[in-house]
């Protein structure tokens, strides 16, 4: 790996963590990755921690049929130079960033590089799509794989989310009674505290057939629907009571809307400065690394989404 302006020492950030990498951003020169870099700068200042920008590059399989086909320069050297040229764009983007910052190139798969470095980071930030080196398709390969395997929370930035979008909006966290949802809730509370923003804790009660795999003991009726909504609201308030004890100065509200969880959270993301999810919850595929709701929200969110690993 190469580095410029590497932080000289490891210091606790605003969250109390001591991690040299600080806020880690994946950059591939695309417009969305530039947006991720700008958001990373905001996050690093907010947390009073270092900012690290990484560009990954694939090592080519160097097989040549004859001496005539040998390139004038080894392909791995060329790939590294191209990565360094791309990274120079990030250096320019952060020219006025006042905090500690470092810039690295690293050989290997982009998702793998970020997952490895995430063990030393407080949070990782990527764009929802990129040039292929860092993402691709509807939701890129990196922004799909990284949240599922990262050692720290991952923030995925959609195309239309500017660094100051929904600046005064709440932090919204989705919970579903699972342990993963509980971890996400307390992580969201810490994020809201750092941002001095209100926290909204949302537990979406699915409609229709969705109930059958969440609560198979229940019947499908409007009476059961209303009763279960009240039960969930009461349970959510009890769970949030502990949260309020740990974060006494935080404004916390709860809601139990009835609807499709993915659609409800996508709609909510438009007014939230950050939407926080767990990697997976109580759905059918409990063993999946990234649950269907998390994938759906990441695909279509109107604002930044943080995925918290279990």
C-alpha atoms as a PDB file:
ATOM      1  CA  UNK A   1       0.000   0.000   0.000  1.00  0.00           C
ATOM      2  CA  UNK A   2       1.098   3.558  -0.569  1.00  0.00           C
ATOM      3  CA  UNK A   3       0.174   6.470   1.650  1.00  0.00           C
ATOM      4  CA  UNK A   4       0.375  10.247   1.845  1.00  0.00           C
ATOM      5  CA  UNK A   5      -0.171  12.364   4.955  1.00  0.00           C
ATOM      6  CA  UNK A   6      -0.691   9.231   7.064  1.00  0.00           C
ATOM      7  CA  UNK A   7      -1.831  10.051  10.605  1.00  0.00           C
ATOM      8  CA  UNK A   8       1.146  10.138  12.931  1.00  0.00           C
ATOM      9  CA  UNK A   9      -0.620   8.501  15.883  1.00  0.00           C
ATOM     10  CA  UNK A  10      -3.781   6.658  16.868  1.00  0.00           C
ATOM     11  CA  UNK A  11      -6.163   8.809  18.916  1.00  0.00           C
ATOM     12  CA  UNK A  12      -9.646   8.277  20.318  1.00  0.00           C
ATOM     13  CA  UNK A  13     -12.348   9.739  18.088  1.00  0.00           C
ATOM     14  CA  UNK A  14     -15.593  11.341  19.193  1.00  0.00           C
ATOM     15  CA  UNK A  15     -17.049   7.835  19.567  1.00  0.00           C
ATOM     16  CA  UNK A  16     -14.297   6.809  21.976  1.00  0.00           C
ATOM     17  CA  UNK A  17     -12.762   4.320  19.538  1.00  0.00           C
ATOM     18  CA  UNK A  18      -9.033   4.347  18.834  1.00  0.00           C
ATOM     19  CA  UNK A  19      -8.597   3.271  15.244  1.00  0.00           C
ATOM     20  CA  UNK A  20      -5.835   4.531  12.995  1.00  0.00           C
ATOM     21  CA  UNK A  21      -7.840   4.430   9.761  1.00  0.00           C
ATOM     22  CA  UNK A  22     -10.711   6.475  11.233  1.00  0.00           C
ATOM     23  CA  UNK A  23     -13.273   7.134   8.500  1.00  0.00           C
ATOM     24  CA  UNK A  24     -12.467   4.881   5.538  1.00  0.00           C
ATOM     25  CA  UNK A  25     -13.677   5.811   2.029  1.00  0.00           C
ATOM     26  CA  UNK A  26     -13.508   3.708  -1.139  1.00  0.00           C
ATOM     27  CA  UNK A  27     -12.680   5.824  -4.210  1.00  0.00           C
ATOM     28  CA  UNK A  28     -12.595   4.803  -7.878  1.00  0.00           C
ATOM     29  CA  UNK A  29     -12.846   8.185  -9.596  1.00  0.00           C
ATOM     30  CA  UNK A  30     -16.586   7.932 -10.249  1.00  0.00           C
ATOM     31  CA  UNK A  31     -19.002  10.739  -9.417  1.00  0.00           C
ATOM     32  CA  UNK A  32     -20.566   8.722  -6.616  1.00  0.00           C
ATOM     33  CA  UNK A  33     -17.231   7.859  -5.060  1.00  0.00           C
ATOM     34  CA  UNK A  34     -16.362  11.581  -5.122  1.00  0.00           C
ATOM     35  CA  UNK A  35     -19.600  12.173  -3.232  1.00  0.00           C
ATOM     36  CA  UNK A  36     -18.546   9.488  -0.757  1.00  0.00           C
ATOM     37  CA  UNK A  37     -15.194  11.263  -0.271  1.00  0.00           C
ATOM     38  CA  UNK A  38     -16.931  14.557   0.482  1.00  0.00           C
ATOM     39  CA  UNK A  39     -19.257  12.851   2.936  1.00  0.00           C
ATOM     40  CA  UNK A  40     -16.271  11.106   4.468  1.00  0.00           C
ATOM     41  CA  UNK A  41     -14.661  14.485   5.117  1.00  0.00           C
ATOM     42  CA  UNK A  42     -17.825  15.661   6.884  1.00  0.00           C
ATOM     43  CA  UNK A  43     -17.944  12.476   8.981  1.00  0.00           C
ATOM     44  CA  UNK A  44     -14.260  12.712   9.927  1.00  0.00           C
ATOM     45  CA  UNK A  45     -14.654  16.328  11.082  1.00  0.00           C
ATOM     46  CA  UNK A  46     -17.823  15.465  12.988  1.00  0.00           C
ATOM     47  CA  UNK A  47     -16.098  12.568  14.772  1.00  0.00           C
ATOM     48  CA  UNK A  48     -12.760  14.354  15.229  1.00  0.00           C
ATOM     49  CA  UNK A  49     -10.919  11.451  13.663  1.00  0.00           C
ATOM     50  CA  UNK A  50      -8.679  10.696  10.701  1.00  0.00           C
ATOM     51  CA  UNK A  51      -9.879  10.280   7.110  1.00  0.00           C
ATOM     52  CA  UNK A  52      -8.434   7.516   4.917  1.00  0.00           C
ATOM     53  CA  UNK A  53      -9.182   7.227   1.184  1.00  0.00           C
ATOM     54  CA  UNK A  54      -8.371   3.985  -0.627  1.00  0.00           C
ATOM     55  CA  UNK A  55      -8.279   3.057  -4.309  1.00  0.00           C
ATOM     56  CA  UNK A  56      -8.023  -0.657  -5.059  1.00  0.00           C
ATOM     57  CA  UNK A  57      -6.644  -2.137  -8.247  1.00  0.00           C
ATOM     58  CA  UNK A  58      -6.804  -5.648  -9.640  1.00  0.00           C
ATOM     59  CA  UNK A  59      -3.603  -7.550 -10.191  1.00  0.00           C
ATOM     60  CA  UNK A  60      -3.659  -8.809 -13.797  1.00  0.00           C
ATOM     61  CA  UNK A  61      -3.036 -12.440 -14.709  1.00  0.00           C
ATOM     62  CA  UNK A  62       0.212 -12.052 -16.595  1.00  0.00           C
ATOM     63  CA  UNK A  63       0.218 -14.849 -19.164  1.00  0.00           C
ATOM     64  CA  UNK A  64       1.844 -14.136 -22.535  1.00  0.00           C
ATOM     65  CA  UNK A  65       1.944 -16.564 -25.477  1.00  0.00           C
ATOM     66  CA  UNK A  66       5.325 -15.315 -26.670  1.00  0.00           C
ATOM     67  CA  UNK A  67       8.050 -12.768 -26.025  1.00  0.00           C
ATOM     68  CA  UNK A  68       6.612 -10.399 -28.627  1.00  0.00           C
ATOM     69  CA  UNK A  69       3.437  -9.958 -26.599  1.00  0.00           C
ATOM     70  CA  UNK A  70       5.275  -8.857 -23.476  1.00  0.00           C
ATOM     71  CA  UNK A  71       4.282  -5.258 -22.560  1.00  0.00           C
ATOM     72  CA  UNK A  72       7.009  -2.638 -22.241  1.00  0.00           C
ATOM     73  CA  UNK A  73       6.031  -2.204 -18.606  1.00  0.00           C
ATOM     74  CA  UNK A  74       4.770  -4.965 -16.285  1.00  0.00           C
ATOM     75  CA  UNK A  75       0.970  -4.888 -16.095  1.00  0.00           C
ATOM     76  CA  UNK A  76       0.924  -4.810 -12.319  1.00  0.00           C
ATOM     77  CA  UNK A  77       3.092  -1.701 -12.368  1.00  0.00           C
ATOM     78  CA  UNK A  78       0.766  -0.092 -14.903  1.00  0.00           C
ATOM     79  CA  UNK A  79      -2.285  -0.967 -12.798  1.00  0.00           C
ATOM     80  CA  UNK A  80      -0.737   0.590  -9.717  1.00  0.00           C
ATOM     81  CA  UNK A  81       0.163   3.765 -11.610  1.00  0.00           C
ATOM     82  CA  UNK A  82      -3.415   4.050 -12.880  1.00  0.00           C
ATOM     83  CA  UNK A  83      -4.713   3.619  -9.342  1.00  0.00           C
ATOM     84  CA  UNK A  84      -2.345   6.313  -8.105  1.00  0.00           C
ATOM     85  CA  UNK A  85      -3.546   8.666 -10.853  1.00  0.00           C
ATOM     86  CA  UNK A  86      -7.151   8.003  -9.789  1.00  0.00           C
ATOM     87  CA  UNK A  87      -6.282   8.563  -6.148  1.00  0.00           C
ATOM     88  CA  UNK A  88      -4.741  11.928  -7.059  1.00  0.00           C
ATOM     89  CA  UNK A  89      -8.280  13.096  -7.865  1.00  0.00           C
ATOM     90  CA  UNK A  90      -9.284  12.384  -4.273  1.00  0.00           C
ATOM     91  CA  UNK A  91      -6.237  14.298  -3.023  1.00  0.00           C
ATOM     92  CA  UNK A  92      -7.474  17.312  -4.982  1.00  0.00           C
ATOM     93  CA  UNK A  93     -11.034  16.908  -3.657  1.00  0.00           C
ATOM     94  CA  UNK A  94      -9.720  17.018  -0.101  1.00  0.00           C
ATOM     95  CA  UNK A  95      -7.219  19.816  -0.592  1.00  0.00           C
ATOM     96  CA  UNK A  96      -9.060  22.031   1.900  1.00  0.00           C
ATOM     97  CA  UNK A  97      -9.900  19.321   4.428  1.00  0.00           C
ATOM     98  CA  UNK A  98      -8.334  20.543   7.692  1.00  0.00           C
ATOM     99  CA  UNK A  99      -8.113  17.214   9.517  1.00  0.00           C
ATOM    100  CA  UNK A 100      -5.730  14.273   9.368  1.00  0.00           C
ATOM    101  CA  UNK A 101      -5.969  12.447   6.068  1.00  0.00           C
ATOM    102  CA  UNK A 102      -4.194   9.677   4.239  1.00  0.00           C
ATOM    103  CA  UNK A 103      -4.420   8.228   0.736  1.00  0.00           C
ATOM    104  CA  UNK A 104      -3.649   4.633  -0.174  1.00  0.00           C
ATOM    105  CA  UNK A 105      -3.623   2.313  -3.139  1.00  0.00           C
ATOM    106  CA  UNK A 106      -4.017  -1.391  -2.487  1.00  0.00           C
ATOM    107  CA  UNK A 107      -3.852  -4.432  -4.780  1.00  0.00           C
ATOM    108  CA  UNK A 108      -6.773  -6.825  -4.768  1.00  0.00           C
ATOM    109  CA  UNK A 109     -10.530  -7.010  -4.983  1.00  0.00           C
ATOM    110  CA  UNK A 110     -12.082  -3.705  -3.906  1.00  0.00           C
ATOM    111  CA  UNK A 111     -14.583  -5.228  -1.492  1.00  0.00           C
ATOM    112  CA  UNK A 112     -11.901  -7.446   0.020  1.00  0.00           C
ATOM    113  CA  UNK A 113      -9.534  -4.507   0.489  1.00  0.00           C
ATOM    114  CA  UNK A 114     -12.193  -2.481   2.299  1.00  0.00           C
ATOM    115  CA  UNK A 115     -13.331  -5.403   4.436  1.00  0.00           C
ATOM    116  CA  UNK A 116      -9.744  -5.966   5.588  1.00  0.00           C
ATOM    117  CA  UNK A 117      -9.174  -2.302   6.396  1.00  0.00           C
ATOM    118  CA  UNK A 118     -12.560  -2.014   8.109  1.00  0.00           C
ATOM    119  CA  UNK A 119     -11.126  -3.835  11.122  1.00  0.00           C
ATOM    120  CA  UNK A 120      -9.066  -0.685  11.739  1.00  0.00           C
ATOM    121  CA  UNK A 121     -11.837   1.790  10.859  1.00  0.00           C
ATOM    122  CA  UNK A 122     -14.680   3.429  12.731  1.00  0.00           C
ATOM    123  CA  UNK A 123     -16.933   3.549   9.677  1.00  0.00           C
ATOM    124  CA  UNK A 124     -16.582   2.781   5.950  1.00  0.00           C
ATOM    125  CA  UNK A 125     -18.230   4.947   3.282  1.00  0.00           C
ATOM    126  CA  UNK A 126     -18.842   3.980  -0.353  1.00  0.00           C
ATOM    127  CA  UNK A 127     -21.060   5.116  -3.191  1.00  0.00           C
ATOM    128  CA  UNK A 128     -23.976   2.903  -4.214  1.00  0.00           C
ATOM    129  CA  UNK A 129     -22.413   2.345  -7.649  1.00  0.00           C
ATOM    130  CA  UNK A 130     -19.090   3.046  -9.301  1.00  0.00           C
ATOM    131  CA  UNK A 131     -16.972   2.350 -12.342  1.00  0.00           C
ATOM    132  CA  UNK A 132     -16.676  -1.362 -11.671  1.00  0.00           C
ATOM    133  CA  UNK A 133     -13.444  -1.130  -9.688  1.00  0.00           C
ATOM    134  CA  UNK A 134     -15.519  -0.198  -6.677  1.00  0.00           C
ATOM    135  CA  UNK A 135     -19.102  -0.973  -7.755  1.00  0.00           C
ATOM    136  CA  UNK A 136     -21.518  -1.753 -10.645  1.00  0.00           C
ATOM    137  CA  UNK A 137     -25.092  -2.785 -11.602  1.00  0.00           C
ATOM    138  CA  UNK A 138     -28.184  -1.500  -9.743  1.00  0.00           C
ATOM    139  CA  UNK A 139     -26.489  -1.876  -6.384  1.00  0.00           C
ATOM    140  CA  UNK A 140     -22.798  -2.408  -6.891  1.00  0.00           C
ATOM    141  CA  UNK A 141     -20.872  -5.502  -5.936  1.00  0.00           C
ATOM    142  CA  UNK A 142     -18.868  -3.606  -3.310  1.00  0.00           C
ATOM    143  CA  UNK A 143     -21.845  -1.822  -1.761  1.00  0.00           C
ATOM    144  CA  UNK A 144     -23.562  -5.220  -1.508  1.00  0.00           C
ATOM    145  CA  UNK A 145     -20.656  -7.321  -0.228  1.00  0.00           C
ATOM    146  CA  UNK A 146     -19.023  -4.756   2.037  1.00  0.00           C
ATOM    147  CA  UNK A 147     -21.929  -4.186   4.496  1.00  0.00           C
ATOM    148  CA  UNK A 148     -22.352  -7.943   4.867  1.00  0.00           C
ATOM    149  CA  UNK A 149     -18.714  -8.607   5.769  1.00  0.00           C
ATOM    150  CA  UNK A 150     -17.289  -5.354   7.191  1.00  0.00           C
ATOM    151  CA  UNK A 151     -15.984  -5.252  10.759  1.00  0.00           C
ATOM    152  CA  UNK A 152     -17.509  -1.817  11.351  1.00  0.00           C
ATOM    153  CA  UNK A 153     -20.652   0.018  10.152  1.00  0.00           C
ATOM    154  CA  UNK A 154     -20.877   0.850   6.442  1.00  0.00           C
ATOM    155  CA  UNK A 155     -22.506   3.992   5.026  1.00  0.00           C
ATOM    156  CA  UNK A 156     -23.727   3.673   1.428  1.00  0.00           C
ATOM    157  CA  UNK A 157     -24.335   6.976  -0.356  1.00  0.00           C
ATOM    158  CA  UNK A 158     -26.943   7.151  -3.165  1.00  0.00           C
ATOM    159  CA  UNK A 159     -26.391   9.309  -6.194  1.00  0.00           C
ATOM    160  CA  UNK A 160     -28.659  12.191  -5.222  1.00  0.00           C
ATOM    161  CA  UNK A 161     -27.558  12.486  -1.584  1.00  0.00           C
ATOM    162  CA  UNK A 162     -25.359  15.566  -1.219  1.00  0.00           C
ATOM    163  CA  UNK A 163     -23.046  15.762   1.842  1.00  0.00           C
ATOM    164  CA  UNK A 164     -25.492  18.132   3.569  1.00  0.00           C
ATOM    165  CA  UNK A 165     -28.719  16.452   2.411  1.00  0.00           C
ATOM    166  CA  UNK A 166     -31.410  16.301   5.118  1.00  0.00           C
ATOM    167  CA  UNK A 167     -28.881  18.001   7.360  1.00  0.00           C
ATOM    168  CA  UNK A 168     -31.496  18.809   9.973  1.00  0.00           C
ATOM    169  CA  UNK A 169     -33.382  15.538   9.579  1.00  0.00           C
ATOM    170  CA  UNK A 170     -33.497  12.770  12.161  1.00  0.00           C
ATOM    171  CA  UNK A 171     -31.462   9.608  12.373  1.00  0.00           C
ATOM    172  CA  UNK A 172     -33.909   6.769  11.710  1.00  0.00           C
ATOM    173  CA  UNK A 173     -33.268   3.186  12.776  1.00  0.00           C
ATOM    174  CA  UNK A 174     -35.285   0.114  11.862  1.00  0.00           C
ATOM    175  CA  UNK A 175     -35.751  -2.564  14.529  1.00  0.00           C
ATOM    176  CA  UNK A 176     -37.641  -5.851  14.415  1.00  0.00           C
ATOM    177  CA  UNK A 177     -37.056  -7.480  17.784  1.00  0.00           C
ATOM    178  CA  UNK A 178     -33.898  -9.278  16.654  1.00  0.00           C
ATOM    179  CA  UNK A 179     -30.507  -8.990  18.334  1.00  0.00           C
ATOM    180  CA  UNK A 180     -29.175  -7.423  15.148  1.00  0.00           C
ATOM    181  CA  UNK A 181     -31.874  -4.763  15.293  1.00  0.00           C
ATOM    182  CA  UNK A 182     -30.967  -4.012  18.905  1.00  0.00           C
ATOM    183  CA  UNK A 183     -27.301  -3.512  17.992  1.00  0.00           C
ATOM    184  CA  UNK A 184     -28.401  -1.215  15.158  1.00  0.00           C
ATOM    185  CA  UNK A 185     -30.604   0.786  17.561  1.00  0.00           C
ATOM    186  CA  UNK A 186     -27.787   1.548  19.996  1.00  0.00           C
ATOM    187  CA  UNK A 187     -25.410   2.329  17.127  1.00  0.00           C
ATOM    188  CA  UNK A 188     -28.012   4.722  15.688  1.00  0.00           C
ATOM    189  CA  UNK A 189     -28.337   6.409  19.079  1.00  0.00           C
ATOM    190  CA  UNK A 190     -24.595   7.034  19.148  1.00  0.00           C
ATOM    191  CA  UNK A 191     -24.769   8.418  15.591  1.00  0.00           C
ATOM    192  CA  UNK A 192     -27.652  10.719  16.527  1.00  0.00           C
ATOM    193  CA  UNK A 193     -25.740  11.949  19.576  1.00  0.00           C
ATOM    194  CA  UNK A 194     -22.661  12.773  17.471  1.00  0.00           C
ATOM    195  CA  UNK A 195     -24.883  14.642  15.000  1.00  0.00           C
ATOM    196  CA  UNK A 196     -26.956  16.325  17.730  1.00  0.00           C
ATOM    197  CA  UNK A 197     -30.003  15.017  15.862  1.00  0.00           C
ATOM    198  CA  UNK A 198     -33.234  13.395  17.085  1.00  0.00           C
ATOM    199  CA  UNK A 199     -33.535   9.625  16.840  1.00  0.00           C
ATOM    200  CA  UNK A 200     -36.587   7.864  15.430  1.00  0.00           C
ATOM    201  CA  UNK A 201     -36.927   4.160  16.233  1.00  0.00           C
ATOM    202  CA  UNK A 202     -39.212   2.455  13.714  1.00  0.00           C
ATOM    203  CA  UNK A 203     -40.618  -1.064  13.867  1.00  0.00           C
ATOM    204  CA  UNK A 204     -42.614  -1.778  10.721  1.00  0.00           C
ATOM    205  CA  UNK A 205     -45.465  -4.253  11.110  1.00  0.00           C
ATOM    206  CA  UNK A 206     -45.864  -6.106   7.795  1.00  0.00           C
ATOM    207  CA  UNK A 207     -49.282  -6.495   6.239  1.00  0.00           C
ATOM    208  CA  UNK A 208     -51.015  -9.557   4.831  1.00  0.00           C
ATOM    209  CA  UNK A 209     -48.993 -12.684   4.192  1.00  0.00           C
ATOM    210  CA  UNK A 210     -45.850 -11.027   5.533  1.00  0.00           C
ATOM    211  CA  UNK A 211     -47.241 -11.697   8.999  1.00  0.00           C
ATOM    212  CA  UNK A 212     -47.203 -15.434   8.567  1.00  0.00           C
ATOM    213  CA  UNK A 213     -43.436 -15.821   8.749  1.00  0.00           C
ATOM    214  CA  UNK A 214     -42.911 -13.090  11.337  1.00  0.00           C
ATOM    215  CA  UNK A 215     -45.741 -14.155  13.656  1.00  0.00           C
ATOM    216  CA  UNK A 216     -47.060 -17.561  12.476  1.00  0.00           C
ATOM    217  CA  UNK A 217     -49.251 -17.910  15.570  1.00  0.00           C
ATOM    218  CA  UNK A 218     -51.471 -15.000  14.516  1.00  0.00           C
ATOM    219  CA  UNK A 219     -54.574 -14.908  12.346  1.00  0.00           C
ATOM    220  CA  UNK A 220     -55.034 -12.397   9.551  1.00  0.00           C
ATOM    221  CA  UNK A 221     -57.657  -9.856  10.620  1.00  0.00           C
ATOM    222  CA  UNK A 222     -57.933  -6.127  11.261  1.00  0.00           C
ATOM    223  CA  UNK A 223     -58.576  -6.841  14.943  1.00  0.00           C
ATOM    224  CA  UNK A 224     -55.380  -8.853  15.237  1.00  0.00           C
ATOM    225  CA  UNK A 225     -53.577  -6.157  13.269  1.00  0.00           C
ATOM    226  CA  UNK A 226     -54.558  -3.412  15.680  1.00  0.00           C
ATOM    227  CA  UNK A 227     -53.817  -5.530  18.740  1.00  0.00           C
ATOM    228  CA  UNK A 228     -50.415  -6.580  17.482  1.00  0.00           C
ATOM    229  CA  UNK A 229     -49.547  -2.975  16.599  1.00  0.00           C
ATOM    230  CA  UNK A 230     -50.330  -1.891  20.180  1.00  0.00           C
ATOM    231  CA  UNK A 231     -48.303  -4.784  21.585  1.00  0.00           C
ATOM    232  CA  UNK A 232     -45.309  -3.901  19.415  1.00  0.00           C
ATOM    233  CA  UNK A 233     -45.583  -0.216  20.337  1.00  0.00           C
ATOM    234  CA  UNK A 234     -45.602  -1.080  24.054  1.00  0.00           C
ATOM    235  CA  UNK A 235     -42.646  -3.447  23.652  1.00  0.00           C
ATOM    236  CA  UNK A 236     -40.741  -0.868  21.650  1.00  0.00           C
ATOM    237  CA  UNK A 237     -41.266   1.748  24.355  1.00  0.00           C
ATOM    238  CA  UNK A 238     -39.879  -0.650  26.967  1.00  0.00           C
ATOM    239  CA  UNK A 239     -36.810  -1.297  24.846  1.00  0.00           C
ATOM    240  CA  UNK A 240     -36.277   2.383  24.170  1.00  0.00           C
ATOM    241  CA  UNK A 241     -36.498   3.141  27.912  1.00  0.00           C
ATOM    242  CA  UNK A 242     -33.060   1.557  28.351  1.00  0.00           C
ATOM    243  CA  UNK A 243     -31.780   3.595  25.407  1.00  0.00           C
ATOM    244  CA  UNK A 244     -32.995   6.822  27.018  1.00  0.00           C
ATOM    245  CA  UNK A 245     -31.139   5.936  30.211  1.00  0.00           C
ATOM    246  CA  UNK A 246     -27.877   5.604  28.318  1.00  0.00           C
ATOM    247  CA  UNK A 247     -28.505   8.703  26.172  1.00  0.00           C
ATOM    248  CA  UNK A 248     -30.414  11.047  28.535  1.00  0.00           C
ATOM    249  CA  UNK A 249     -29.937  14.151  26.372  1.00  0.00           C
ATOM    250  CA  UNK A 250     -31.073  12.447  23.148  1.00  0.00           C
ATOM    251  CA  UNK A 251     -34.538  13.126  21.750  1.00  0.00           C
ATOM    252  CA  UNK A 252     -36.014   9.682  20.985  1.00  0.00           C
ATOM    253  CA  UNK A 253     -39.372   8.882  19.392  1.00  0.00           C
ATOM    254  CA  UNK A 254     -40.919   5.566  18.353  1.00  0.00           C
ATOM    255  CA  UNK A 255     -43.447   4.450  15.759  1.00  0.00           C
ATOM    256  CA  UNK A 256     -45.002   1.180  14.545  1.00  0.00           C
ATOM    257  CA  UNK A 257     -46.350   1.809  11.029  1.00  0.00           C
ATOM    258  CA  UNK A 258     -48.173  -0.977   9.194  1.00  0.00           C
ATOM    259  CA  UNK A 259     -46.933  -1.657   5.675  1.00  0.00           C
ATOM    260  CA  UNK A 260     -44.199  -3.195   3.607  1.00  0.00           C
ATOM    261  CA  UNK A 261     -40.951  -2.777   5.607  1.00  0.00           C
ATOM    262  CA  UNK A 262     -38.785  -2.036   2.591  1.00  0.00           C
ATOM    263  CA  UNK A 263     -41.162   0.513   1.041  1.00  0.00           C
ATOM    264  CA  UNK A 264     -41.780   2.196   4.389  1.00  0.00           C
ATOM    265  CA  UNK A 265     -38.073   2.624   5.096  1.00  0.00           C
ATOM    266  CA  UNK A 266     -37.346   3.851   1.567  1.00  0.00           C
ATOM    267  CA  UNK A 267     -39.974   6.546   2.018  1.00  0.00           C
ATOM    268  CA  UNK A 268     -38.573   7.468   5.434  1.00  0.00           C
ATOM    269  CA  UNK A 269     -35.022   7.719   4.078  1.00  0.00           C
ATOM    270  CA  UNK A 270     -35.997  10.799   2.055  1.00  0.00           C
ATOM    271  CA  UNK A 271     -36.315  12.928   5.198  1.00  0.00           C
ATOM    272  CA  UNK A 272     -33.613  11.271   7.318  1.00  0.00           C
ATOM    273  CA  UNK A 273     -30.021  12.423   7.439  1.00  0.00           C
ATOM    274  CA  UNK A 274     -29.131   8.791   8.063  1.00  0.00           C
ATOM    275  CA  UNK A 275     -31.132   5.551   7.973  1.00  0.00           C
ATOM    276  CA  UNK A 276     -29.643   2.766  10.089  1.00  0.00           C
ATOM    277  CA  UNK A 277     -30.269  -0.952   9.499  1.00  0.00           C
ATOM    278  CA  UNK A 278     -28.898  -4.250  10.737  1.00  0.00           C
ATOM    279  CA  UNK A 279     -27.401  -6.717   8.298  1.00  0.00           C
ATOM    280  CA  UNK A 280     -30.295  -9.115   8.766  1.00  0.00           C
ATOM    281  CA  UNK A 281     -33.353  -9.544  10.963  1.00  0.00           C
ATOM    282  CA  UNK A 282     -36.276 -11.886  11.573  1.00  0.00           C
ATOM    283  CA  UNK A 283     -37.172 -12.622   7.970  1.00  0.00           C
ATOM    284  CA  UNK A 284     -37.266 -16.033   6.294  1.00  0.00           C
ATOM    285  CA  UNK A 285     -33.568 -16.038   5.442  1.00  0.00           C
ATOM    286  CA  UNK A 286     -32.227 -15.389   8.927  1.00  0.00           C
ATOM    287  CA  UNK A 287     -28.864 -16.850   7.929  1.00  0.00           C
ATOM    288  CA  UNK A 288     -28.412 -14.497   4.976  1.00  0.00           C
ATOM    289  CA  UNK A 289     -25.477 -12.125   5.404  1.00  0.00           C
ATOM    290  CA  UNK A 290     -27.501  -9.186   4.104  1.00  0.00           C
ATOM    291  CA  UNK A 291     -31.260  -9.439   4.626  1.00  0.00           C
ATOM    292  CA  UNK A 292     -33.894  -8.723   1.989  1.00  0.00           C
ATOM    293  CA  UNK A 293     -35.039  -5.496   3.665  1.00  0.00           C
ATOM    294  CA  UNK A 294     -31.470  -4.193   3.958  1.00  0.00           C
ATOM    295  CA  UNK A 295     -30.788  -5.022   0.297  1.00  0.00           C
ATOM    296  CA  UNK A 296     -34.050  -3.437  -0.836  1.00  0.00           C
ATOM    297  CA  UNK A 297     -33.482  -0.218   1.089  1.00  0.00           C
ATOM    298  CA  UNK A 298     -29.878   0.044  -0.114  1.00  0.00           C
ATOM    299  CA  UNK A 299     -31.053  -0.319  -3.711  1.00  0.00           C
ATOM    300  CA  UNK A 300     -33.593   2.503  -3.594  1.00  0.00           C
ATOM    301  CA  UNK A 301     -32.888   4.729  -0.592  1.00  0.00           C
ATOM    302  CA  UNK A 302     -33.271   8.466  -1.041  1.00  0.00           C
ATOM    303  CA  UNK A 303     -30.531   9.234   1.482  1.00  0.00           C
ATOM    304  CA  UNK A 304     -27.449   7.693   3.110  1.00  0.00           C
ATOM    305  CA  UNK A 305     -27.927   4.262   4.697  1.00  0.00           C
ATOM    306  CA  UNK A 306     -25.775   2.820   7.452  1.00  0.00           C
ATOM    307  CA  UNK A 307     -25.651  -0.964   7.769  1.00  0.00           C
ATOM    308  CA  UNK A 308     -24.481  -2.191  11.161  1.00  0.00           C
ATOM    309  CA  UNK A 309     -22.810  -5.625  11.342  1.00  0.00           C
ATOM    310  CA  UNK A 310     -24.027  -8.095  13.904  1.00  0.00           C
END
